[in-house]
Amino acid sequence: MKRTILMSILAIAACGGGKKSESTTPKDPEPEAAAAESKPAPDPDPAPAPEAPAPTKSWHAQAELQPVKGAKIKGTTVTFSQDEGAEVVVGSNGWFDGIKPGKYHLVVHDGADCGTNAAKAGKPMATADMPLNAAKGQDSVDVGKVSTIQLNGDGAIIGHTLVLHADVRGKPGKPLACGAIANIGGDS
């Protein structure tokens, strides 16, 4: 019998004695911890919006050309516009009424004033000759894009004069109209 008791004691001890064993099933988490674990992670902050490119600078100028003494044409306003990094676009707000069809030149001169006979217009600026053709029925000047002049920086034509010349064998001849080139807006 001693053996039976001893075996019973050993069996009970091997099984953990008379104590209740703890359950090996996981406990339910506390309500707050469970709520925190079930919430999705917050979205990361959105990436900053890319900076908008700086606006392109633009310049605008015009020259009100008036006929010189003895010229039998009417004046007009020649316009200039330029966006940063681009060529100058030359056009007009009208036409030289009375001008005969043929070749002419719009030339920037280094003077600031024309005088009555374009005598004060100064010397032609290098590379500032813009040939144009006059046709019957034409109602505006359309020189188009010109890469040899600029409206901003060193060598800008603003503050100088623009002279319409007759054509003599492909070169500027007698002046017909003249006007000062003035800034009419845009970035400085």
Foldseek 3Di string as FASTA:
>chain_A
DVVVVVVVQVVCVVVPHPDDDDDPDDDDDDPVVVVVVPDDDDDPDDDDDDDDDDDWWKWKKKWFKQWAPPFPWGTFIWIWMDTPPFFIWIKTPWDTHPDDWDKKKKFWAAFQDQPRQRPRLHHTDPQRIQMDTDDPPDIMGGSTGGRSEACDDPRHSQRHKIWIADDDPNDGDGTTIMTHMHTDDIDD
